[in-house]
Amino acid sequence: MNTHLIQSLAEAARLSADDDTELNGGLRFLDRRENAKFYDFPTIYQRSLKAAGALYTAGVRENDRVAIILPTCMGFIDAFLGCQVLGAIPVPK
């Protein structure tokens, strides 16, 4: 597991859990029509844990390589961070 990255995300989620304003940080994505959507750190952290659970259920284990064949979107971030939680190796395509 990339403990530094996931621990940092967990800490950012904990510190900003009581305030959902964008001032506490997170990620903003623009879709193809340039509509912005903001994801705060608690949401990102919970989504990464959910993705890790789905990957684990699918048989992914520590040190497995996982091809991520997605456009730049929140699903990509979910899969990438989910791999990090499990200690798997994300391979973006």
PDB file of N, CA and C in Angstrom:
ATOM      1  N   MET A   1       0.847  -1.180   0.000  1.00  0.00           N
ATOM      2  CA  MET A   1       0.000   0.000   0.000  1.00  0.00           C
ATOM      3  C   MET A   1       0.888   1.236   0.000  1.00  0.00           C
ATOM      4  N   ASN A   2       0.483   2.216  -0.766  1.00  0.00           N
ATOM      5  CA  ASN A   2       1.179   3.498  -0.727  1.00  0.00           C
ATOM      6  C   ASN A   2       0.668   4.224   0.516  1.00  0.00           C
ATOM      7  N   THR A   3       1.248   3.869   1.662  1.00  0.00           N
ATOM      8  CA  THR A   3       0.717   4.370   2.927  1.00  0.00           C
ATOM      9  C   THR A   3       0.775   5.881   3.033  1.00  0.00           C
ATOM     10  N   HIS A   4       1.812   6.482   2.497  1.00  0.00           N
ATOM     11  CA  HIS A   4       1.911   7.936   2.618  1.00  0.00           C
ATOM     12  C   HIS A   4       0.745   8.629   1.908  1.00  0.00           C
ATOM     13  N   LEU A   5       0.465   8.225   0.688  1.00  0.00           N
ATOM     14  CA  LEU A   5      -0.626   8.827  -0.076  1.00  0.00           C
ATOM     15  C   LEU A   5      -1.973   8.593   0.600  1.00  0.00           C
ATOM     16  N   ILE A   6      -2.257   7.364   0.969  1.00  0.00           N
ATOM     17  CA  ILE A   6      -3.557   7.042   1.561  1.00  0.00           C
ATOM     18  C   ILE A   6      -3.679   7.635   2.955  1.00  0.00           C
ATOM     19  N   GLN A   7      -2.611   7.616   3.738  1.00  0.00           N
ATOM     20  CA  GLN A   7      -2.656   8.252   5.063  1.00  0.00           C
ATOM     21  C   GLN A   7      -2.880   9.750   4.937  1.00  0.00           C
ATOM     22  N   SER A   8      -2.241  10.364   3.960  1.00  0.00           N
ATOM     23  CA  SER A   8      -2.429  11.803   3.739  1.00  0.00           C
ATOM     24  C   SER A   8      -3.868  12.101   3.326  1.00  0.00           C
ATOM     25  N   LEU A   9      -4.432  11.267   2.456  1.00  0.00           N
ATOM     26  CA  LEU A   9      -5.825  11.442   2.041  1.00  0.00           C
ATOM     27  C   LEU A   9      -6.764  11.252   3.223  1.00  0.00           C
ATOM     28  N   ALA A  10      -6.522  10.221   4.037  1.00  0.00           N
ATOM     29  CA  ALA A  10      -7.362   9.970   5.212  1.00  0.00           C
ATOM     30  C   ALA A  10      -7.291  11.148   6.187  1.00  0.00           C
ATOM     31  N   GLU A  11      -6.104  11.692   6.380  1.00  0.00           N
ATOM     32  CA  GLU A  11      -5.939  12.837   7.279  1.00  0.00           C
ATOM     33  C   GLU A  11      -6.638  14.081   6.722  1.00  0.00           C
ATOM     34  N   ALA A  12      -6.505  14.321   5.422  1.00  0.00           N
ATOM     35  CA  ALA A  12      -7.197  15.464   4.804  1.00  0.00           C
ATOM     36  C   ALA A  12      -8.706  15.294   4.937  1.00  0.00           C
ATOM     37  N   ALA A  13      -9.182  14.062   4.775  1.00  0.00           N
ATOM     38  CA  ALA A  13     -10.618  13.791   4.915  1.00  0.00           C
ATOM     39  C   ALA A  13     -11.064  14.052   6.345  1.00  0.00           C
ATOM     40  N   ARG A  14     -10.268  13.611   7.305  1.00  0.00           N
ATOM     41  CA  ARG A  14     -10.624  13.806   8.716  1.00  0.00           C
ATOM     42  C   ARG A  14     -10.652  15.286   9.082  1.00  0.00           C
ATOM     43  N   LEU A  15      -9.658  16.019   8.621  1.00  0.00           N
ATOM     44  CA  LEU A  15      -9.554  17.434   8.966  1.00  0.00           C
ATOM     45  C   LEU A  15     -10.650  18.282   8.326  1.00  0.00           C
ATOM     46  N   SER A  16     -11.143  17.862   7.177  1.00  0.00           N
ATOM     47  CA  SER A  16     -12.146  18.681   6.492  1.00  0.00           C
ATOM     48  C   SER A  16     -13.547  18.094   6.576  1.00  0.00           C
ATOM     49  N   ALA A  17     -13.735  17.047   7.371  1.00  0.00           N
ATOM     50  CA  ALA A  17     -15.028  16.359   7.439  1.00  0.00           C
ATOM     51  C   ALA A  17     -16.164  17.256   7.935  1.00  0.00           C
ATOM     52  N   ASP A  18     -15.851  18.207   8.788  1.00  0.00           N
ATOM     53  CA  ASP A  18     -16.898  19.049   9.360  1.00  0.00           C
ATOM     54  C   ASP A  18     -17.277  20.233   8.497  1.00  0.00           C
ATOM     55  N   ASP A  19     -16.545  20.463   7.439  1.00  0.00           N
ATOM     56  CA  ASP A  19     -16.796  21.633   6.610  1.00  0.00           C
ATOM     57  C   ASP A  19     -16.677  21.228   5.149  1.00  0.00           C
ATOM     58  N   ASP A  20     -17.776  21.303   4.407  1.00  0.00           N
ATOM     59  CA  ASP A  20     -17.764  20.842   3.021  1.00  0.00           C
ATOM     60  C   ASP A  20     -17.454  21.946   2.009  1.00  0.00           C
ATOM     61  N   THR A  21     -16.893  23.041   2.489  1.00  0.00           N
ATOM     62  CA  THR A  21     -16.564  24.112   1.554  1.00  0.00           C
ATOM     63  C   THR A  21     -15.333  23.753   0.750  1.00  0.00           C
ATOM     64  N   GLU A  22     -15.207  24.346  -0.385  1.00  0.00           N
ATOM     65  CA  GLU A  22     -14.071  24.095  -1.260  1.00  0.00           C
ATOM     66  C   GLU A  22     -12.770  24.653  -0.693  1.00  0.00           C
ATOM     67  N   LEU A  23     -12.861  25.480   0.334  1.00  0.00           N
ATOM     68  CA  LEU A  23     -11.650  26.041   0.927  1.00  0.00           C
ATOM     69  C   LEU A  23     -10.788  24.972   1.572  1.00  0.00           C
ATOM     70  N   ASN A  24     -11.401  23.843   1.960  1.00  0.00           N
ATOM     71  CA  ASN A  24     -10.648  22.772   2.603  1.00  0.00           C
ATOM     72  C   ASN A  24     -10.001  21.822   1.618  1.00  0.00           C
ATOM     73  N   GLY A  25     -10.224  22.016   0.363  1.00  0.00           N
ATOM     74  CA  GLY A  25      -9.544  21.239  -0.653  1.00  0.00           C
ATOM     75  C   GLY A  25     -10.314  20.041  -1.153  1.00  0.00           C
ATOM     76  N   GLY A  26      -9.819  19.546  -2.242  1.00  0.00           N
ATOM     77  CA  GLY A  26     -10.436  18.419  -2.915  1.00  0.00           C
ATOM     78  C   GLY A  26     -10.027  18.469  -4.376  1.00  0.00           C
ATOM     79  N   LEU A  27     -10.846  17.871  -5.219  1.00  0.00           N
ATOM     80  CA  LEU A  27     -10.585  17.860  -6.652  1.00  0.00           C
ATOM     81  C   LEU A  27     -11.767  18.434  -7.414  1.00  0.00           C
ATOM     82  N   ARG A  28     -11.475  19.147  -8.466  1.00  0.00           N
ATOM     83  CA  ARG A  28     -12.513  19.668  -9.344  1.00  0.00           C
ATOM     84  C   ARG A  28     -12.291  19.068 -10.728  1.00  0.00           C
ATOM     85  N   PHE A  29     -13.354  18.489 -11.266  1.00  0.00           N
ATOM     86  CA  PHE A  29     -13.292  17.916 -12.608  1.00  0.00           C
ATOM     87  C   PHE A  29     -14.191  18.691 -13.541  1.00  0.00           C
ATOM     88  N   LEU A  30     -13.726  18.835 -14.759  1.00  0.00           N
ATOM     89  CA  LEU A  30     -14.534  19.438 -15.814  1.00  0.00           C
ATOM     90  C   LEU A  30     -14.930  18.336 -16.781  1.00  0.00           C
ATOM     91  N   ASP A  31     -16.232  18.271 -17.107  1.00  0.00           N
ATOM     92  CA  ASP A  31     -16.653  17.282 -18.093  1.00  0.00           C
ATOM     93  C   ASP A  31     -16.410  17.835 -19.498  1.00  0.00           C
ATOM     94  N   ARG A  32     -16.826  17.096 -20.491  1.00  0.00           N
ATOM     95  CA  ARG A  32     -16.578  17.517 -21.877  1.00  0.00           C
ATOM     96  C   ARG A  32     -17.259  18.827 -22.229  1.00  0.00           C
ATOM     97  N   ARG A  33     -18.297  19.154 -21.498  1.00  0.00           N
ATOM     98  CA  ARG A  33     -19.005  20.426 -21.739  1.00  0.00           C
ATOM     99  C   ARG A  33     -18.488  21.535 -20.825  1.00  0.00           C
ATOM    100  N   GLU A  34     -17.393  21.234 -20.134  1.00  0.00           N
ATOM    101  CA  GLU A  34     -16.750  22.160 -19.209  1.00  0.00           C
ATOM    102  C   GLU A  34     -17.621  22.515 -18.013  1.00  0.00           C
ATOM    103  N   ASN A  35     -18.476  21.576 -17.606  1.00  0.00           N
ATOM    104  CA  ASN A  35     -19.230  21.720 -16.363  1.00  0.00           C
ATOM    105  C   ASN A  35     -18.350  21.202 -15.236  1.00  0.00           C
ATOM    106  N   ALA A  36     -18.182  22.025 -14.214  1.00  0.00           N
ATOM    107  CA  ALA A  36     -17.304  21.662 -13.106  1.00  0.00           C
ATOM    108  C   ALA A  36     -18.071  20.919 -12.015  1.00  0.00           C
ATOM    109  N   LYS A  37     -17.421  19.927 -11.429  1.00  0.00           N
ATOM    110  CA  LYS A  37     -17.964  19.222 -10.268  1.00  0.00           C
ATOM    111  C   LYS A  37     -16.829  19.099  -9.258  1.00  0.00           C
ATOM    112  N   PHE A  38     -17.113  19.494  -8.022  1.00  0.00           N
ATOM    113  CA  PHE A  38     -16.125  19.475  -6.949  1.00  0.00           C
ATOM    114  C   PHE A  38     -16.338  18.259  -6.061  1.00  0.00           C
ATOM    115  N   TYR A  39     -15.249  17.577  -5.703  1.00  0.00           N
ATOM    116  CA  TYR A  39     -15.268  16.444  -4.778  1.00  0.00           C
ATOM    117  C   TYR A  39     -14.370  16.792  -3.597  1.00  0.00           C
ATOM    118  N   ASP A  40     -14.920  16.831  -2.393  1.00  0.00           N
ATOM    119  CA  ASP A  40     -14.105  17.140  -1.221  1.00  0.00           C
ATOM    120  C   ASP A  40     -13.323  15.900  -0.778  1.00  0.00           C
ATOM    121  N   PHE A  41     -12.346  16.093   0.103  1.00  0.00           N
ATOM    122  CA  PHE A  41     -11.487  14.993   0.524  1.00  0.00           C
ATOM    123  C   PHE A  41     -12.240  13.852   1.220  1.00  0.00           C
ATOM    124  N   PRO A  42     -13.213  14.131   2.105  1.00  0.00           N
ATOM    125  CA  PRO A  42     -13.944  12.996   2.685  1.00  0.00           C
ATOM    126  C   PRO A  42     -14.646  12.140   1.626  1.00  0.00           C
ATOM    127  N   THR A  43     -15.203  12.774   0.619  1.00  0.00           N
ATOM    128  CA  THR A  43     -15.867  12.035  -0.462  1.00  0.00           C
ATOM    129  C   THR A  43     -14.852  11.221  -1.257  1.00  0.00           C
ATOM    130  N   ILE A  44     -13.735  11.817  -1.577  1.00  0.00           N
ATOM    131  CA  ILE A  44     -12.691  11.113  -2.332  1.00  0.00           C
ATOM    132  C   ILE A  44     -12.197   9.906  -1.543  1.00  0.00           C
ATOM    133  N   TYR A  45     -11.978  10.087  -0.246  1.00  0.00           N
ATOM    134  CA  TYR A  45     -11.487   8.990   0.592  1.00  0.00           C
ATOM    135  C   TYR A  45     -12.508   7.850   0.646  1.00  0.00           C
ATOM    136  N   GLN A  46     -13.765   8.184   0.863  1.00  0.00           N
ATOM    137  CA  GLN A  46     -14.801   7.143   0.913  1.00  0.00           C
ATOM    138  C   GLN A  46     -14.926   6.420  -0.425  1.00  0.00           C
ATOM    139  N   ARG A  47     -14.836   7.154  -1.512  1.00  0.00           N
ATOM    140  CA  ARG A  47     -14.906   6.531  -2.842  1.00  0.00           C
ATOM    141  C   ARG A  47     -13.714   5.603  -3.079  1.00  0.00           C
ATOM    142  N   SER A  48     -12.526   5.987  -2.580  1.00  0.00           N
ATOM    143  CA  SER A  48     -11.353   5.128  -2.756  1.00  0.00           C
ATOM    144  C   SER A  48     -11.496   3.835  -1.959  1.00  0.00           C
ATOM    145  N   LEU A  49     -12.080   3.914  -0.767  1.00  0.00           N
ATOM    146  CA  LEU A  49     -12.315   2.708   0.028  1.00  0.00           C
ATOM    147  C   LEU A  49     -13.340   1.801  -0.646  1.00  0.00           C
ATOM    148  N   LYS A  50     -14.379   2.407  -1.207  1.00  0.00           N
ATOM    149  CA  LYS A  50     -15.400   1.634  -1.918  1.00  0.00           C
ATOM    150  C   LYS A  50     -14.797   0.948  -3.144  1.00  0.00           C
ATOM    151  N   ALA A  51     -13.963   1.678  -3.882  1.00  0.00           N
ATOM    152  CA  ALA A  51     -13.303   1.104  -5.060  1.00  0.00           C
ATOM    153  C   ALA A  51     -12.372  -0.030  -4.641  1.00  0.00           C
ATOM    154  N   ALA A  52     -11.650   0.152  -3.533  1.00  0.00           N
ATOM    155  CA  ALA A  52     -10.762  -0.906  -3.044  1.00  0.00           C
ATOM    156  C   ALA A  52     -11.561  -2.158  -2.716  1.00  0.00           C
ATOM    157  N   GLY A  53     -12.728  -1.983  -2.100  1.00  0.00           N
ATOM    158  CA  GLY A  53     -13.587  -3.123  -1.794  1.00  0.00           C
ATOM    159  C   GLY A  53     -14.036  -3.851  -3.047  1.00  0.00           C
ATOM    160  N   ALA A  54     -14.406  -3.095  -4.064  1.00  0.00           N
ATOM    161  CA  ALA A  54     -14.841  -3.700  -5.329  1.00  0.00           C
ATOM    162  C   ALA A  54     -13.685  -4.436  -6.002  1.00  0.00           C
ATOM    163  N   LEU A  55     -12.502  -3.837  -5.985  1.00  0.00           N
ATOM    164  CA  LEU A  55     -11.331  -4.481  -6.571  1.00  0.00           C
ATOM    165  C   LEU A  55     -10.986  -5.761  -5.814  1.00  0.00           C
ATOM    166  N   TYR A  56     -11.069  -5.702  -4.495  1.00  0.00           N
ATOM    167  CA  TYR A  56     -10.774  -6.877  -3.673  1.00  0.00           C
ATOM    168  C   TYR A  56     -11.764  -8.003  -3.970  1.00  0.00           C
ATOM    169  N   THR A  57     -13.033  -7.642  -4.069  1.00  0.00           N
ATOM    170  CA  THR A  57     -14.067  -8.627  -4.405  1.00  0.00           C
ATOM    171  C   THR A  57     -13.807  -9.254  -5.768  1.00  0.00           C
ATOM    172  N   ALA A  58     -13.235  -8.475  -6.677  1.00  0.00           N
ATOM    173  CA  ALA A  58     -12.916  -8.976  -8.019  1.00  0.00           C
ATOM    174  C   ALA A  58     -11.632  -9.813  -8.036  1.00  0.00           C
ATOM    175  N   GLY A  59     -10.967  -9.919  -6.894  1.00  0.00           N
ATOM    176  CA  GLY A  59      -9.784 -10.765  -6.812  1.00  0.00           C
ATOM    177  C   GLY A  59      -8.450 -10.046  -6.815  1.00  0.00           C
ATOM    178  N   VAL A  60      -8.466  -8.735  -6.802  1.00  0.00           N
ATOM    179  CA  VAL A  60      -7.209  -7.970  -6.798  1.00  0.00           C
ATOM    180  C   VAL A  60      -6.596  -8.027  -5.404  1.00  0.00           C
ATOM    181  N   ARG A  61      -5.290  -8.312  -5.371  1.00  0.00           N
ATOM    182  CA  ARG A  61      -4.561  -8.391  -4.116  1.00  0.00           C
ATOM    183  C   ARG A  61      -3.297  -7.546  -4.189  1.00  0.00           C
ATOM    184  N   GLU A  62      -2.621  -7.429  -3.055  1.00  0.00           N
ATOM    185  CA  GLU A  62      -1.395  -6.644  -2.967  1.00  0.00           C
ATOM    186  C   GLU A  62      -0.402  -7.085  -4.039  1.00  0.00           C
ATOM    187  N   ASN A  63       0.227  -6.106  -4.653  1.00  0.00           N
ATOM    188  CA  ASN A  63       1.234  -6.267  -5.712  1.00  0.00           C
ATOM    189  C   ASN A  63       0.676  -6.715  -7.053  1.00  0.00           C
ATOM    190  N   ASP A  64      -0.636  -6.928  -7.156  1.00  0.00           N
ATOM    191  CA  ASP A  64      -1.233  -7.202  -8.463  1.00  0.00           C
ATOM    192  C   ASP A  64      -1.173  -5.934  -9.306  1.00  0.00           C
ATOM    193  N   ARG A  65      -1.018  -6.094 -10.597  1.00  0.00           N
ATOM    194  CA  ARG A  65      -1.087  -4.957 -11.515  1.00  0.00           C
ATOM    195  C   ARG A  65      -2.514  -4.846 -12.026  1.00  0.00           C
ATOM    196  N   VAL A  66      -3.007  -3.618 -12.042  1.00  0.00           N
ATOM    197  CA  VAL A  66      -4.388  -3.375 -12.461  1.00  0.00           C
ATOM    198  C   VAL A  66      -4.384  -2.349 -13.585  1.00  0.00           C
ATOM    199  N   ALA A  67      -4.811  -2.763 -14.771  1.00  0.00           N
ATOM    200  CA  ALA A  67      -4.922  -1.831 -15.893  1.00  0.00           C
ATOM    201  C   ALA A  67      -6.132  -0.934 -15.665  1.00  0.00           C
ATOM    202  N   ILE A  68      -5.918   0.356 -15.744  1.00  0.00           N
ATOM    203  CA  ILE A  68      -7.009   1.326 -15.611  1.00  0.00           C
ATOM    204  C   ILE A  68      -7.186   1.962 -16.982  1.00  0.00           C
ATOM    205  N   ILE A  69      -8.235   1.559 -17.659  1.00  0.00           N
ATOM    206  CA  ILE A  69      -8.486   2.039 -19.019  1.00  0.00           C
ATOM    207  C   ILE A  69      -9.740   2.903 -18.970  1.00  0.00           C
ATOM    208  N   LEU A  70      -9.542   4.118 -18.539  1.00  0.00           N
ATOM    209  CA  LEU A  70     -10.637   5.081 -18.370  1.00  0.00           C
ATOM    210  C   LEU A  70     -10.157   6.455 -18.816  1.00  0.00           C
ATOM    211  N   PRO A  71     -11.080   7.312 -19.228  1.00  0.00           N
ATOM    212  CA  PRO A  71     -10.689   8.700 -19.497  1.00  0.00           C
ATOM    213  C   PRO A  71     -10.419   9.405 -18.165  1.00  0.00           C
ATOM    214  N   THR A  72      -9.899  10.589 -18.237  1.00  0.00           N
ATOM    215  CA  THR A  72      -9.712  11.377 -17.022  1.00  0.00           C
ATOM    216  C   THR A  72     -11.091  11.722 -16.470  1.00  0.00           C
ATOM    217  N   CYS A  73     -11.422  11.089 -15.370  1.00  0.00           N
ATOM    218  CA  CYS A  73     -12.729  11.266 -14.737  1.00  0.00           C
ATOM    219  C   CYS A  73     -12.605  10.811 -13.288  1.00  0.00           C
ATOM    220  N   MET A  74     -13.655  10.985 -12.531  1.00  0.00           N
ATOM    221  CA  MET A  74     -13.621  10.579 -11.139  1.00  0.00           C
ATOM    222  C   MET A  74     -13.489   9.065 -11.011  1.00  0.00           C
ATOM    223  N   GLY A  75     -14.025   8.313 -11.948  1.00  0.00           N
ATOM    224  CA  GLY A  75     -13.869   6.863 -11.928  1.00  0.00           C
ATOM    225  C   GLY A  75     -12.408   6.447 -12.018  1.00  0.00           C
ATOM    226  N   PHE A  76     -11.627   7.201 -12.781  1.00  0.00           N
ATOM    227  CA  PHE A  76     -10.193   6.924 -12.870  1.00  0.00           C
ATOM    228  C   PHE A  76      -9.536   7.133 -11.509  1.00  0.00           C
ATOM    229  N   ILE A  77      -9.865   8.245 -10.867  1.00  0.00           N
ATOM    230  CA  ILE A  77      -9.300   8.543  -9.546  1.00  0.00           C
ATOM    231  C   ILE A  77      -9.715   7.467  -8.550  1.00  0.00           C
ATOM    232  N   ASP A  78     -10.991   7.053  -8.598  1.00  0.00           N
ATOM    233  CA  ASP A  78     -11.473   5.985  -7.708  1.00  0.00           C
ATOM    234  C   ASP A  78     -10.628   4.727  -7.884  1.00  0.00           C
ATOM    235  N   ALA A  79     -10.452   4.297  -9.124  1.00  0.00           N
ATOM    236  CA  ALA A  79      -9.696   3.069  -9.406  1.00  0.00           C
ATOM    237  C   ALA A  79      -8.231   3.217  -8.990  1.00  0.00           C
ATOM    238  N   PHE A  80      -7.639   4.354  -9.300  1.00  0.00           N
ATOM    239  CA  PHE A  80      -6.226   4.583  -8.967  1.00  0.00           C
ATOM    240  C   PHE A  80      -6.020   4.533  -7.456  1.00  0.00           C
ATOM    241  N   LEU A  81      -6.842   5.270  -6.723  1.00  0.00           N
ATOM    242  CA  LEU A  81      -6.695   5.294  -5.268  1.00  0.00           C
ATOM    243  C   LEU A  81      -7.114   3.968  -4.639  1.00  0.00           C
ATOM    244  N   GLY A  82      -8.110   3.312  -5.211  1.00  0.00           N
ATOM    245  CA  GLY A  82      -8.506   1.994  -4.721  1.00  0.00           C
ATOM    246  C   GLY A  82      -7.346   1.013  -4.803  1.00  0.00           C
ATOM    247  N   CYS A  83      -6.613   1.074  -5.889  1.00  0.00           N
ATOM    248  CA  CYS A  83      -5.404   0.239  -6.022  1.00  0.00           C
ATOM    249  C   CYS A  83      -4.402   0.573  -4.917  1.00  0.00           C
ATOM    250  N   GLN A  84      -4.217   1.854  -4.662  1.00  0.00           N
ATOM    251  CA  GLN A  84      -3.272   2.276  -3.629  1.00  0.00           C
ATOM    252  C   GLN A  84      -3.667   1.746  -2.258  1.00  0.00           C
ATOM    253  N   VAL A  85      -4.968   1.776  -1.954  1.00  0.00           N
ATOM    254  CA  VAL A  85      -5.455   1.253  -0.674  1.00  0.00           C
ATOM    255  C   VAL A  85      -5.087  -0.222  -0.528  1.00  0.00           C
ATOM    256  N   LEU A  86      -5.260  -0.998  -1.596  1.00  0.00           N
ATOM    257  CA  LEU A  86      -4.989  -2.434  -1.557  1.00  0.00           C
ATOM    258  C   LEU A  86      -3.506  -2.777  -1.646  1.00  0.00           C
ATOM    259  N   GLY A  87      -2.696  -1.825  -2.066  1.00  0.00           N
ATOM    260  CA  GLY A  87      -1.299  -2.114  -2.305  1.00  0.00           C
ATOM    261  C   GLY A  87      -1.066  -2.729  -3.680  1.00  0.00           C
ATOM    262  N   ALA A  88      -2.068  -2.606  -4.543  1.00  0.00           N
ATOM    263  CA  ALA A  88      -1.931  -3.061  -5.921  1.00  0.00           C
ATOM    264  C   ALA A  88      -1.226  -1.977  -6.736  1.00  0.00           C
ATOM    265  N   ILE A  89      -0.845  -2.317  -7.938  1.00  0.00           N
ATOM    266  CA  ILE A  89      -0.094  -1.394  -8.784  1.00  0.00           C
ATOM    267  C   ILE A  89      -0.993  -0.916  -9.923  1.00  0.00           C
ATOM    268  N   PRO A  90      -1.428   0.351  -9.874  1.00  0.00           N
ATOM    269  CA  PRO A  90      -2.269   0.866 -10.951  1.00  0.00           C
ATOM    270  C   PRO A  90      -1.433   1.083 -12.213  1.00  0.00           C
ATOM    271  N   VAL A  91      -1.978   0.661 -13.345  1.00  0.00           N
ATOM    272  CA  VAL A  91      -1.300   0.828 -14.623  1.00  0.00           C
ATOM    273  C   VAL A  91      -2.244   1.598 -15.546  1.00  0.00           C
ATOM    274  N   PRO A  92      -2.119   2.944 -15.556  1.00  0.00           N
ATOM    275  CA  PRO A  92      -3.007   3.746 -16.412  1.00  0.00           C
ATOM    276  C   PRO A  92      -2.721   3.515 -17.882  1.00  0.00           C
ATOM    277  N   LYS A  93      -3.770   3.456 -18.671  1.00  0.00           N
ATOM    278  CA  LYS A  93      -3.642   3.290 -20.122  1.00  0.00           C
ATOM    279  C   LYS A  93      -4.265   4.470 -20.811  1.00  0.00           C
TER     280      LYS A  93
END
